[in-house]
Amino acid sequence: IGPGPFAAMLLADMGADVLRVYRADQVGLLAGANGGRAESDTVGRG
């Protein structure tokens, strides 16, 4: 969470093929950072 995903977003916006590896126990954490809605994870785009 935080700056790492934002940096990855910047790279993806510029055309990089970014593959995000996540642990199953991170799903709640990542969604929680976006009000519980994974679809509102604008930083996770691309």
PDB file of all heavy atoms in Angstrom:
ATOM      1  N   ILE A   1       0.845  -1.182   0.000  1.00  0.00           N
ATOM      2  CA  ILE A   1       0.000   0.000   0.000  1.00  0.00           C
ATOM      3  C   ILE A   1       0.877   1.228   0.000  1.00  0.00           C
ATOM      4  O   ILE A   1       2.064   1.167   0.327  1.00  0.00           O
ATOM      5  CB  ILE A   1      -0.965   0.019   1.214  1.00  0.00           C
ATOM      6  CG1 ILE A   1      -0.177   0.017   2.527  1.00  0.00           C
ATOM      7  CG2 ILE A   1      -1.919  -1.160   1.160  1.00  0.00           C
ATOM      8  CD1 ILE A   1      -1.046   0.181   3.761  1.00  0.00           C
ATOM      9  N   GLY A   2       0.292   2.379  -0.390  1.00  0.00           N
ATOM     10  CA  GLY A   2       1.026   3.635  -0.336  1.00  0.00           C
ATOM     11  C   GLY A   2       1.854   3.910  -1.575  1.00  0.00           C
ATOM     12  O   GLY A   2       1.395   3.740  -2.710  1.00  0.00           O
ATOM     13  N   PRO A   3       3.102   4.315  -1.387  1.00  0.00           N
ATOM     14  CA  PRO A   3       3.907   4.813  -2.505  1.00  0.00           C
ATOM     15  C   PRO A   3       4.345   3.746  -3.498  1.00  0.00           C
ATOM     16  O   PRO A   3       4.505   4.039  -4.682  1.00  0.00           O
ATOM     17  CB  PRO A   3       5.118   5.446  -1.818  1.00  0.00           C
ATOM     18  CG  PRO A   3       5.213   4.749  -0.497  1.00  0.00           C
ATOM     19  CD  PRO A   3       3.787   4.477  -0.092  1.00  0.00           C
ATOM     20  N   GLY A   4       4.554   2.493  -3.042  1.00  0.00           N
ATOM     21  CA  GLY A   4       4.959   1.443  -3.977  1.00  0.00           C
ATOM     22  C   GLY A   4       3.955   1.248  -5.094  1.00  0.00           C
ATOM     23  O   GLY A   4       4.305   1.276  -6.283  1.00  0.00           O
ATOM     24  N   PRO A   5       2.668   1.053  -4.765  1.00  0.00           N
ATOM     25  CA  PRO A   5       1.661   0.921  -5.819  1.00  0.00           C
ATOM     26  C   PRO A   5       1.543   2.158  -6.703  1.00  0.00           C
ATOM     27  O   PRO A   5       1.284   2.039  -7.902  1.00  0.00           O
ATOM     28  CB  PRO A   5       0.362   0.687  -5.027  1.00  0.00           C
ATOM     29  CG  PRO A   5       0.812   0.079  -3.746  1.00  0.00           C
ATOM     30  CD  PRO A   5       2.128   0.731  -3.431  1.00  0.00           C
ATOM     31  N   PHE A   6       1.734   3.344  -6.116  1.00  0.00           N
ATOM     32  CA  PHE A   6       1.644   4.555  -6.935  1.00  0.00           C
ATOM     33  C   PHE A   6       2.785   4.602  -7.941  1.00  0.00           C
ATOM     34  O   PHE A   6       2.590   4.987  -9.101  1.00  0.00           O
ATOM     35  CB  PHE A   6       1.667   5.798  -6.046  1.00  0.00           C
ATOM     36  CG  PHE A   6       1.270   7.066  -6.757  1.00  0.00           C
ATOM     37  CD1 PHE A   6      -0.062   7.407  -6.912  1.00  0.00           C
ATOM     38  CD2 PHE A   6       2.232   7.922  -7.279  1.00  0.00           C
ATOM     39  CE1 PHE A   6      -0.436   8.565  -7.574  1.00  0.00           C
ATOM     40  CE2 PHE A   6       1.868   9.083  -7.942  1.00  0.00           C
ATOM     41  CZ  PHE A   6       0.534   9.410  -8.090  1.00  0.00           C
ATOM     42  N   ALA A   7       3.974   4.205  -7.524  1.00  0.00           N
ATOM     43  CA  ALA A   7       5.107   4.154  -8.453  1.00  0.00           C
ATOM     44  C   ALA A   7       4.839   3.146  -9.562  1.00  0.00           C
ATOM     45  O   ALA A   7       5.122   3.404 -10.741  1.00  0.00           O
ATOM     46  CB  ALA A   7       6.388   3.800  -7.703  1.00  0.00           C
ATOM     47  N   ALA A   8       4.277   1.986  -9.200  1.00  0.00           N
ATOM     48  CA  ALA A   8       3.950   0.982 -10.212  1.00  0.00           C
ATOM     49  C   ALA A   8       2.890   1.503 -11.172  1.00  0.00           C
ATOM     50  O   ALA A   8       2.922   1.223 -12.375  1.00  0.00           O
ATOM     51  CB  ALA A   8       3.481  -0.306  -9.531  1.00  0.00           C
ATOM     52  N   MET A   9       1.943   2.288 -10.659  1.00  0.00           N
ATOM     53  CA  MET A   9       0.927   2.893 -11.508  1.00  0.00           C
ATOM     54  C   MET A   9       1.562   3.844 -12.520  1.00  0.00           C
ATOM     55  O   MET A   9       1.188   3.865 -13.712  1.00  0.00           O
ATOM     56  CB  MET A   9      -0.086   3.659 -10.664  1.00  0.00           C
ATOM     57  CG  MET A   9      -1.228   4.294 -11.454  1.00  0.00           C
ATOM     58  SD  MET A   9      -1.979   5.711 -10.600  1.00  0.00           S
ATOM     59  CE  MET A   9      -0.735   6.985 -10.921  1.00  0.00           C
ATOM     60  N   LEU A  10       2.530   4.643 -12.056  1.00  0.00           N
ATOM     61  CA  LEU A  10       3.209   5.565 -12.962  1.00  0.00           C
ATOM     62  C   LEU A  10       3.890   4.804 -14.095  1.00  0.00           C
ATOM     63  O   LEU A  10       3.838   5.222 -15.267  1.00  0.00           O
ATOM     64  CB  LEU A  10       4.248   6.392 -12.188  1.00  0.00           C
ATOM     65  CG  LEU A  10       3.715   7.345 -11.118  1.00  0.00           C
ATOM     66  CD1 LEU A  10       4.884   7.988 -10.363  1.00  0.00           C
ATOM     67  CD2 LEU A  10       2.829   8.416 -11.729  1.00  0.00           C
ATOM     68  N   LEU A  11       4.533   3.703 -13.760  1.00  0.00           N
ATOM     69  CA  LEU A  11       5.209   2.900 -14.780  1.00  0.00           C
ATOM     70  C   LEU A  11       4.197   2.283 -15.736  1.00  0.00           C
ATOM     71  O   LEU A  11       4.413   2.243 -16.952  1.00  0.00           O
ATOM     72  CB  LEU A  11       6.051   1.824 -14.106  1.00  0.00           C
ATOM     73  CG  LEU A  11       7.148   2.325 -13.146  1.00  0.00           C
ATOM     74  CD1 LEU A  11       7.842   1.145 -12.473  1.00  0.00           C
ATOM     75  CD2 LEU A  11       8.159   3.196 -13.867  1.00  0.00           C
ATOM     76  N   ALA A  12       3.067   1.803 -15.191  1.00  0.00           N
ATOM     77  CA  ALA A  12       2.028   1.216 -16.044  1.00  0.00           C
ATOM     78  C   ALA A  12       1.426   2.267 -16.962  1.00  0.00           C
ATOM     79  O   ALA A  12       1.151   2.000 -18.143  1.00  0.00           O
ATOM     80  CB  ALA A  12       0.941   0.576 -15.167  1.00  0.00           C
ATOM     81  N   ASP A  13       1.180   3.472 -16.438  1.00  0.00           N
ATOM     82  CA  ASP A  13       0.644   4.551 -17.267  1.00  0.00           C
ATOM     83  C   ASP A  13       1.555   4.862 -18.445  1.00  0.00           C
ATOM     84  O   ASP A  13       1.098   5.318 -19.501  1.00  0.00           O
ATOM     85  CB  ASP A  13       0.462   5.827 -16.437  1.00  0.00           C
ATOM     86  CG  ASP A  13      -0.776   5.800 -15.552  1.00  0.00           C
ATOM     87  OD1 ASP A  13      -1.569   4.841 -15.657  1.00  0.00           O
ATOM     88  OD2 ASP A  13      -0.946   6.751 -14.761  1.00  0.00           O
ATOM     89  N   MET A  14       2.847   4.661 -18.257  1.00  0.00           N
ATOM     90  CA  MET A  14       3.808   4.957 -19.316  1.00  0.00           C
ATOM     91  C   MET A  14       4.072   3.757 -20.222  1.00  0.00           C
ATOM     92  O   MET A  14       4.985   3.771 -21.041  1.00  0.00           O
ATOM     93  CB  MET A  14       5.126   5.437 -18.703  1.00  0.00           C
ATOM     94  CG  MET A  14       5.016   6.787 -18.016  1.00  0.00           C
ATOM     95  SD  MET A  14       4.514   8.122 -19.150  1.00  0.00           S
ATOM     96  CE  MET A  14       2.899   8.549 -18.480  1.00  0.00           C
ATOM     97  N   GLY A  15       3.248   2.712 -20.088  1.00  0.00           N
ATOM     98  CA  GLY A  15       3.303   1.607 -21.038  1.00  0.00           C
ATOM     99  C   GLY A  15       3.943   0.334 -20.546  1.00  0.00           C
ATOM    100  O   GLY A  15       3.960  -0.665 -21.272  1.00  0.00           O
ATOM    101  N   ALA A  16       4.502   0.325 -19.326  1.00  0.00           N
ATOM    102  CA  ALA A  16       5.139  -0.887 -18.825  1.00  0.00           C
ATOM    103  C   ALA A  16       4.098  -1.976 -18.592  1.00  0.00           C
ATOM    104  O   ALA A  16       2.957  -1.701 -18.220  1.00  0.00           O
ATOM    105  CB  ALA A  16       5.895  -0.593 -17.533  1.00  0.00           C
ATOM    106  N   ASP A  17       4.486  -3.222 -18.810  1.00  0.00           N
ATOM    107  CA  ASP A  17       3.637  -4.367 -18.498  1.00  0.00           C
ATOM    108  C   ASP A  17       3.883  -4.735 -17.041  1.00  0.00           C
ATOM    109  O   ASP A  17       4.889  -5.383 -16.709  1.00  0.00           O
ATOM    110  CB  ASP A  17       3.979  -5.555 -19.406  1.00  0.00           C
ATOM    111  CG  ASP A  17       3.573  -5.311 -20.847  1.00  0.00           C
ATOM    112  OD1 ASP A  17       2.458  -4.807 -21.064  1.00  0.00           O
ATOM    113  OD2 ASP A  17       4.375  -5.607 -21.752  1.00  0.00           O
ATOM    114  N   VAL A  18       2.992  -4.287 -16.163  1.00  0.00           N
ATOM    115  CA  VAL A  18       3.163  -4.485 -14.727  1.00  0.00           C
ATOM    116  C   VAL A  18       2.313  -5.657 -14.272  1.00  0.00           C
ATOM    117  O   VAL A  18       1.099  -5.686 -14.492  1.00  0.00           O
ATOM    118  CB  VAL A  18       2.779  -3.219 -13.934  1.00  0.00           C
ATOM    119  CG1 VAL A  18       2.996  -3.445 -12.438  1.00  0.00           C
ATOM    120  CG2 VAL A  18       3.601  -2.014 -14.414  1.00  0.00           C
ATOM    121  N   LEU A  19       2.941  -6.608 -13.639  1.00  0.00           N
ATOM    122  CA  LEU A  19       2.253  -7.749 -13.042  1.00  0.00           C
ATOM    123  C   LEU A  19       2.363  -7.623 -11.527  1.00  0.00           C
ATOM    124  O   LEU A  19       3.464  -7.609 -10.978  1.00  0.00           O
ATOM    125  CB  LEU A  19       2.867  -9.065 -13.494  1.00  0.00           C
ATOM    126  CG  LEU A  19       2.239 -10.341 -12.920  1.00  0.00           C
ATOM    127  CD1 LEU A  19       0.784 -10.477 -13.357  1.00  0.00           C
ATOM    128  CD2 LEU A  19       3.038 -11.573 -13.337  1.00  0.00           C
ATOM    129  N   ARG A  20       1.214  -7.511 -10.870  1.00  0.00           N
ATOM    130  CA  ARG A  20       1.186  -7.347  -9.417  1.00  0.00           C
ATOM    131  C   ARG A  20       1.007  -8.711  -8.753  1.00  0.00           C
ATOM    132  O   ARG A  20       0.036  -9.414  -8.993  1.00  0.00           O
ATOM    133  CB  ARG A  20       0.036  -6.421  -9.013  1.00  0.00           C
ATOM    134  CG  ARG A  20      -0.185  -6.327  -7.513  1.00  0.00           C
ATOM    135  CD  ARG A  20      -1.516  -5.689  -7.192  1.00  0.00           C
ATOM    136  NE  ARG A  20      -1.394  -4.243  -7.057  1.00  0.00           N
ATOM    137  CZ  ARG A  20      -2.417  -3.450  -6.709  1.00  0.00           C
ATOM    138  NH1 ARG A  20      -3.614  -3.978  -6.480  1.00  0.00           N
ATOM    139  NH2 ARG A  20      -2.248  -2.158  -6.604  1.00  0.00           N
ATOM    140  N   VAL A  21       1.961  -9.066  -7.913  1.00  0.00           N
ATOM    141  CA  VAL A  21       1.885 -10.292  -7.137  1.00  0.00           C
ATOM    142  C   VAL A  21       1.368  -9.938  -5.749  1.00  0.00           C
ATOM    143  O   VAL A  21       1.902  -9.044  -5.088  1.00  0.00           O
ATOM    144  CB  VAL A  21       3.270 -10.961  -7.032  1.00  0.00           C
ATOM    145  CG1 VAL A  21       3.240 -12.106  -6.027  1.00  0.00           C
ATOM    146  CG2 VAL A  21       3.713 -11.470  -8.395  1.00  0.00           C
ATOM    147  N   TYR A  22       0.318 -10.613  -5.310  1.00  0.00           N
ATOM    148  CA  TYR A  22      -0.230 -10.320  -3.987  1.00  0.00           C
ATOM    149  C   TYR A  22      -0.538 -11.601  -3.239  1.00  0.00           C
ATOM    150  O   TYR A  22      -0.789 -12.654  -3.832  1.00  0.00           O
ATOM    151  CB  TYR A  22      -1.489  -9.464  -4.093  1.00  0.00           C
ATOM    152  CG  TYR A  22      -2.693 -10.160  -4.676  1.00  0.00           C
ATOM    153  CD1 TYR A  22      -3.677 -10.715  -3.850  1.00  0.00           C
ATOM    154  CD2 TYR A  22      -2.867 -10.274  -6.044  1.00  0.00           C
ATOM    155  CE1 TYR A  22      -4.786 -11.349  -4.372  1.00  0.00           C
ATOM    156  CE2 TYR A  22      -3.967 -10.913  -6.587  1.00  0.00           C
ATOM    157  CZ  TYR A  22      -4.928 -11.449  -5.744  1.00  0.00           C
ATOM    158  OH  TYR A  22      -6.019 -12.084  -6.273  1.00  0.00           O
ATOM    159  N   ARG A  23      -0.465 -11.506  -1.926  1.00  0.00           N
ATOM    160  CA  ARG A  23      -0.815 -12.632  -1.068  1.00  0.00           C
ATOM    161  C   ARG A  23      -2.316 -12.648  -0.829  1.00  0.00           C
ATOM    162  O   ARG A  23      -2.956 -11.594  -0.800  1.00  0.00           O
ATOM    163  CB  ARG A  23      -0.093 -12.533   0.279  1.00  0.00           C
ATOM    164  CG  ARG A  23       1.408 -12.401   0.192  1.00  0.00           C
ATOM    165  CD  ARG A  23       2.054 -12.536   1.574  1.00  0.00           C
ATOM    166  NE  ARG A  23       1.400 -11.705   2.580  1.00  0.00           N
ATOM    167  CZ  ARG A  23       1.777 -10.457   2.866  1.00  0.00           C
ATOM    168  NH1 ARG A  23       2.765  -9.893   2.195  1.00  0.00           N
ATOM    169  NH2 ARG A  23       1.147  -9.778   3.811  1.00  0.00           N
ATOM    170  N   ALA A  24      -2.865 -13.811  -0.611  1.00  0.00           N
ATOM    171  CA  ALA A  24      -4.307 -13.926  -0.389  1.00  0.00           C
ATOM    172  C   ALA A  24      -4.746 -13.119   0.820  1.00  0.00           C
ATOM    173  O   ALA A  24      -5.832 -12.535   0.832  1.00  0.00           O
ATOM    174  CB  ALA A  24      -4.694 -15.396  -0.213  1.00  0.00           C
ATOM    175  N   ASP A  25      -3.863 -13.030   1.844  1.00  0.00           N
ATOM    176  CA  ASP A  25      -4.246 -12.285   3.046  1.00  0.00           C
ATOM    177  C   ASP A  25      -4.129 -10.779   2.866  1.00  0.00           C
ATOM    178  O   ASP A  25      -4.414 -10.016   3.782  1.00  0.00           O
ATOM    179  CB  ASP A  25      -3.408 -12.723   4.255  1.00  0.00           C
ATOM    180  CG  ASP A  25      -1.914 -12.495   4.063  1.00  0.00           C
ATOM    181  OD1 ASP A  25      -1.513 -12.081   2.960  1.00  0.00           O
ATOM    182  OD2 ASP A  25      -1.158 -12.732   5.016  1.00  0.00           O
ATOM    183  N   GLN A  26      -3.690 -10.336   1.677  1.00  0.00           N
ATOM    184  CA  GLN A  26      -3.606  -8.904   1.400  1.00  0.00           C
ATOM    185  C   GLN A  26      -4.884  -8.356   0.787  1.00  0.00           C
ATOM    186  O   GLN A  26      -5.028  -7.144   0.682  1.00  0.00           O
ATOM    187  CB  GLN A  26      -2.444  -8.603   0.439  1.00  0.00           C
ATOM    188  CG  GLN A  26      -1.072  -8.641   1.078  1.00  0.00           C
ATOM    189  CD  GLN A  26      -0.015  -8.261   0.070  1.00  0.00           C
ATOM    190  OE1 GLN A  26       0.165  -8.932  -0.943  1.00  0.00           O
ATOM    191  NE2 GLN A  26       0.685  -7.180   0.331  1.00  0.00           N
ATOM    192  N   VAL A  27      -5.801  -9.208   0.384  1.00  0.00           N
ATOM    193  CA  VAL A  27      -6.985  -8.735  -0.323  1.00  0.00           C
ATOM    194  C   VAL A  27      -7.741  -7.727   0.521  1.00  0.00           C
ATOM    195  O   VAL A  27      -8.111  -6.638   0.071  1.00  0.00           O
ATOM    196  CB  VAL A  27      -7.900  -9.911  -0.724  1.00  0.00           C
ATOM    197  CG1 VAL A  27      -9.191  -9.388  -1.325  1.00  0.00           C
ATOM    198  CG2 VAL A  27      -7.180 -10.819  -1.712  1.00  0.00           C
ATOM    199  N   GLY A  28      -7.990  -8.064   1.779  1.00  0.00           N
ATOM    200  CA  GLY A  28      -8.709  -7.145   2.666  1.00  0.00           C
ATOM    201  C   GLY A  28      -7.951  -5.862   2.884  1.00  0.00           C
ATOM    202  O   GLY A  28      -8.540  -4.780   2.936  1.00  0.00           O
ATOM    203  N   LEU A  29      -6.625  -5.963   3.021  1.00  0.00           N
ATOM    204  CA  LEU A  29      -5.798  -4.777   3.243  1.00  0.00           C
ATOM    205  C   LEU A  29      -5.856  -3.837   2.049  1.00  0.00           C
ATOM    206  O   LEU A  29      -6.058  -2.633   2.174  1.00  0.00           O
ATOM    207  CB  LEU A  29      -4.353  -5.197   3.504  1.00  0.00           C
ATOM    208  CG  LEU A  29      -3.328  -4.069   3.682  1.00  0.00           C
ATOM    209  CD1 LEU A  29      -3.637  -3.283   4.945  1.00  0.00           C
ATOM    210  CD2 LEU A  29      -1.919  -4.640   3.740  1.00  0.00           C
ATOM    211  N   LEU A  30      -5.709  -4.394   0.855  1.00  0.00           N
ATOM    212  CA  LEU A  30      -5.711  -3.565  -0.352  1.00  0.00           C
ATOM    213  C   LEU A  30      -7.081  -2.945  -0.583  1.00  0.00           C
ATOM    214  O   LEU A  30      -7.197  -1.777  -0.950  1.00  0.00           O
ATOM    215  CB  LEU A  30      -5.297  -4.405  -1.565  1.00  0.00           C
ATOM    216  CG  LEU A  30      -3.869  -4.963  -1.519  1.00  0.00           C
ATOM    217  CD1 LEU A  30      -3.626  -5.872  -2.703  1.00  0.00           C
ATOM    218  CD2 LEU A  30      -2.834  -3.848  -1.494  1.00  0.00           C
ATOM    219  N   ALA A  31      -8.137  -3.730  -0.363  1.00  0.00           N
ATOM    220  CA  ALA A  31      -9.480  -3.194  -0.543  1.00  0.00           C
ATOM    221  C   ALA A  31      -9.800  -2.179   0.541  1.00  0.00           C
ATOM    222  O   ALA A  31     -10.447  -1.159   0.293  1.00  0.00           O
ATOM    223  CB  ALA A  31     -10.507  -4.322  -0.530  1.00  0.00           C
ATOM    224  N   GLY A  32      -9.335  -2.446   1.766  1.00  0.00           N
ATOM    225  CA  GLY A  32      -9.589  -1.527   2.873  1.00  0.00           C
ATOM    226  C   GLY A  32      -8.990  -0.166   2.639  1.00  0.00           C
ATOM    227  O   GLY A  32      -9.518   0.854   3.099  1.00  0.00           O
ATOM    228  N   ALA A  33      -7.876  -0.115   1.927  1.00  0.00           N
ATOM    229  CA  ALA A  33      -7.244   1.170   1.622  1.00  0.00           C
ATOM    230  C   ALA A  33      -8.075   1.980   0.638  1.00  0.00           C
ATOM    231  O   ALA A  33      -7.805   3.158   0.419  1.00  0.00           O
ATOM    232  CB  ALA A  33      -5.850   0.935   1.040  1.00  0.00           C
ATOM    233  N   ASN A  34      -9.093   1.351   0.053  1.00  0.00           N
ATOM    234  CA  ASN A  34      -9.944   2.035  -0.913  1.00  0.00           C
ATOM    235  C   ASN A  34     -11.410   1.956  -0.499  1.00  0.00           C
ATOM    236  O   ASN A  34     -12.295   1.763  -1.319  1.00  0.00           O
ATOM    237  CB  ASN A  34      -9.760   1.422  -2.311  1.00  0.00           C
ATOM    238  CG  ASN A  34      -8.360   1.610  -2.827  1.00  0.00           C
ATOM    239  OD1 ASN A  34      -8.022   2.688  -3.299  1.00  0.00           O
ATOM    240  ND2 ASN A  34      -7.536   0.590  -2.714  1.00  0.00           N
ATOM    241  N   GLY A  35     -11.636   2.087   0.805  1.00  0.00           N
ATOM    242  CA  GLY A  35     -13.003   2.086   1.306  1.00  0.00           C
ATOM    243  C   GLY A  35     -13.702   0.754   1.163  1.00  0.00           C
ATOM    244  O   GLY A  35     -14.926   0.686   1.148  1.00  0.00           O
ATOM    245  N   GLY A  36     -12.926  -0.321   1.061  1.00  0.00           N
ATOM    246  CA  GLY A  36     -13.522  -1.645   0.948  1.00  0.00           C
ATOM    247  C   GLY A  36     -13.935  -2.018  -0.451  1.00  0.00           C
ATOM    248  O   GLY A  36     -14.452  -3.102  -0.676  1.00  0.00           O
ATOM    249  N   ARG A  37     -13.704  -1.150  -1.419  1.00  0.00           N
ATOM    250  CA  ARG A  37     -14.116  -1.417  -2.802  1.00  0.00           C
ATOM    251  C   ARG A  37     -12.884  -1.591  -3.679  1.00  0.00           C
ATOM    252  O   ARG A  37     -12.170  -0.640  -3.969  1.00  0.00           O
ATOM    253  CB  ARG A  37     -14.957  -0.267  -3.340  1.00  0.00           C
ATOM    254  CG  ARG A  37     -16.260  -0.034  -2.604  1.00  0.00           C
ATOM    255  CD  ARG A  37     -16.971   1.183  -3.206  1.00  0.00           C
ATOM    256  NE  ARG A  37     -17.232   1.004  -4.628  1.00  0.00           N
ATOM    257  CZ  ARG A  37     -17.311   2.019  -5.493  1.00  0.00           C
ATOM    258  NH1 ARG A  37     -17.138   3.252  -5.075  1.00  0.00           N
ATOM    259  NH2 ARG A  37     -17.566   1.789  -6.760  1.00  0.00           N
ATOM    260  N   ALA A  38     -12.609  -2.829  -4.090  1.00  0.00           N
ATOM    261  CA  ALA A  38     -11.457  -3.077  -4.945  1.00  0.00           C
ATOM    262  C   ALA A  38     -11.570  -2.310  -6.254  1.00  0.00           C
ATOM    263  O   ALA A  38     -10.574  -1.861  -6.821  1.00  0.00           O
ATOM    264  CB  ALA A  38     -11.327  -4.576  -5.220  1.00  0.00           C
ATOM    265  N   GLU A  39     -12.807  -2.127  -6.747  1.00  0.00           N
ATOM    266  CA  GLU A  39     -12.968  -1.442  -8.038  1.00  0.00           C
ATOM    267  C   GLU A  39     -12.632   0.036  -7.960  1.00  0.00           C
ATOM    268  O   GLU A  39     -12.436   0.691  -8.997  1.00  0.00           O
ATOM    269  CB  GLU A  39     -14.400  -1.628  -8.552  1.00  0.00           C
ATOM    270  CG  GLU A  39     -15.492  -1.005  -7.695  1.00  0.00           C
ATOM    271  CD  GLU A  39     -16.025  -1.936  -6.636  1.00  0.00           C
ATOM    272  OE1 GLU A  39     -15.314  -2.916  -6.299  1.00  0.00           O
ATOM    273  OE2 GLU A  39     -17.132  -1.692  -6.135  1.00  0.00           O
ATOM    274  N   SER A  40     -12.557   0.593  -6.748  1.00  0.00           N
ATOM    275  CA  SER A  40     -12.195   2.010  -6.624  1.00  0.00           C
ATOM    276  C   SER A  40     -10.702   2.206  -6.398  1.00  0.00           C
ATOM    277  O   SER A  40     -10.251   3.295  -6.061  1.00  0.00           O
ATOM    278  CB  SER A  40     -12.972   2.663  -5.468  1.00  0.00           C
ATOM    279  OG  SER A  40     -12.592   2.102  -4.224  1.00  0.00           O
ATOM    280  N   ASP A  41      -9.942   1.150  -6.606  1.00  0.00           N
ATOM    281  CA  ASP A  41      -8.490   1.220  -6.456  1.00  0.00           C
ATOM    282  C   ASP A  41      -7.892   1.895  -7.678  1.00  0.00           C
ATOM    283  O   ASP A  41      -7.319   1.257  -8.553  1.00  0.00           O
ATOM    284  CB  ASP A  41      -7.922  -0.189  -6.266  1.00  0.00           C
ATOM    285  CG  ASP A  41      -6.403  -0.190  -6.126  1.00  0.00           C
ATOM    286  OD1 ASP A  41      -5.838   0.877  -5.847  1.00  0.00           O
ATOM    287  OD2 ASP A  41      -5.802  -1.266  -6.300  1.00  0.00           O
ATOM    288  N   THR A  42      -8.026   3.211  -7.749  1.00  0.00           N
ATOM    289  CA  THR A  42      -7.515   3.947  -8.905  1.00  0.00           C
ATOM    290  C   THR A  42      -6.003   3.848  -9.002  1.00  0.00           C
ATOM    291  O   THR A  42      -5.439   3.892 -10.102  1.00  0.00           O
ATOM    292  CB  THR A  42      -7.931   5.427  -8.830  1.00  0.00           C
ATOM    293  OG1 THR A  42      -7.505   5.978  -7.576  1.00  0.00           O
ATOM    294  CG2 THR A  42      -9.443   5.571  -8.948  1.00  0.00           C
ATOM    295  N   VAL A  43      -5.328   3.720  -7.866  1.00  0.00           N
ATOM    296  CA  VAL A  43      -3.867   3.589  -7.882  1.00  0.00           C
ATOM    297  C   VAL A  43      -3.447   2.228  -8.447  1.00  0.00           C
ATOM    298  O   VAL A  43      -2.343   2.079  -8.952  1.00  0.00           O
ATOM    299  CB  VAL A  43      -3.305   3.797  -6.461  1.00  0.00           C
ATOM    300  CG1 VAL A  43      -1.813   3.513  -6.396  1.00  0.00           C
ATOM    301  CG2 VAL A  43      -3.570   5.233  -5.994  1.00  0.00           C
ATOM    302  N   GLY A  44      -4.351   1.257  -8.395  1.00  0.00           N
ATOM    303  CA  GLY A  44      -4.027  -0.071  -8.903  1.00  0.00           C
ATOM    304  C   GLY A  44      -4.338  -0.268 -10.369  1.00  0.00           C
ATOM    305  O   GLY A  44      -4.311  -1.400 -10.855  1.00  0.00           O
ATOM    306  N   ARG A  45      -4.585   0.818 -11.069  1.00  0.00           N
ATOM    307  CA  ARG A  45      -4.987   0.700 -12.471  1.00  0.00           C
ATOM    308  C   ARG A  45      -3.829   0.213 -13.353  1.00  0.00           C
ATOM    309  O   ARG A  45      -2.660   0.340 -13.021  1.00  0.00           O
ATOM    310  CB  ARG A  45      -5.479   2.055 -12.979  1.00  0.00           C
ATOM    311  CG  ARG A  45      -4.396   3.108 -13.150  1.00  0.00           C
ATOM    312  CD  ARG A  45      -4.993   4.483 -13.322  1.00  0.00           C
ATOM    313  NE  ARG A  45      -3.993   5.495 -13.681  1.00  0.00           N
ATOM    314  CZ  ARG A  45      -4.203   6.803 -13.622  1.00  0.00           C
ATOM    315  NH1 ARG A  45      -5.386   7.257 -13.237  1.00  0.00           N
ATOM    316  NH2 ARG A  45      -3.256   7.653 -13.976  1.00  0.00           N
ATOM    317  N   GLY A  46      -4.224  -0.348 -14.491  1.00  0.00           N
ATOM    318  CA  GLY A  46      -3.245  -0.624 -15.534  1.00  0.00           C
ATOM    319  C   GLY A  46      -2.440  -1.883 -15.392  1.00  0.00           C
ATOM    320  O   GLY A  46      -1.483  -2.080 -16.137  1.00  0.00           O
TER     321      GLY A  46
END
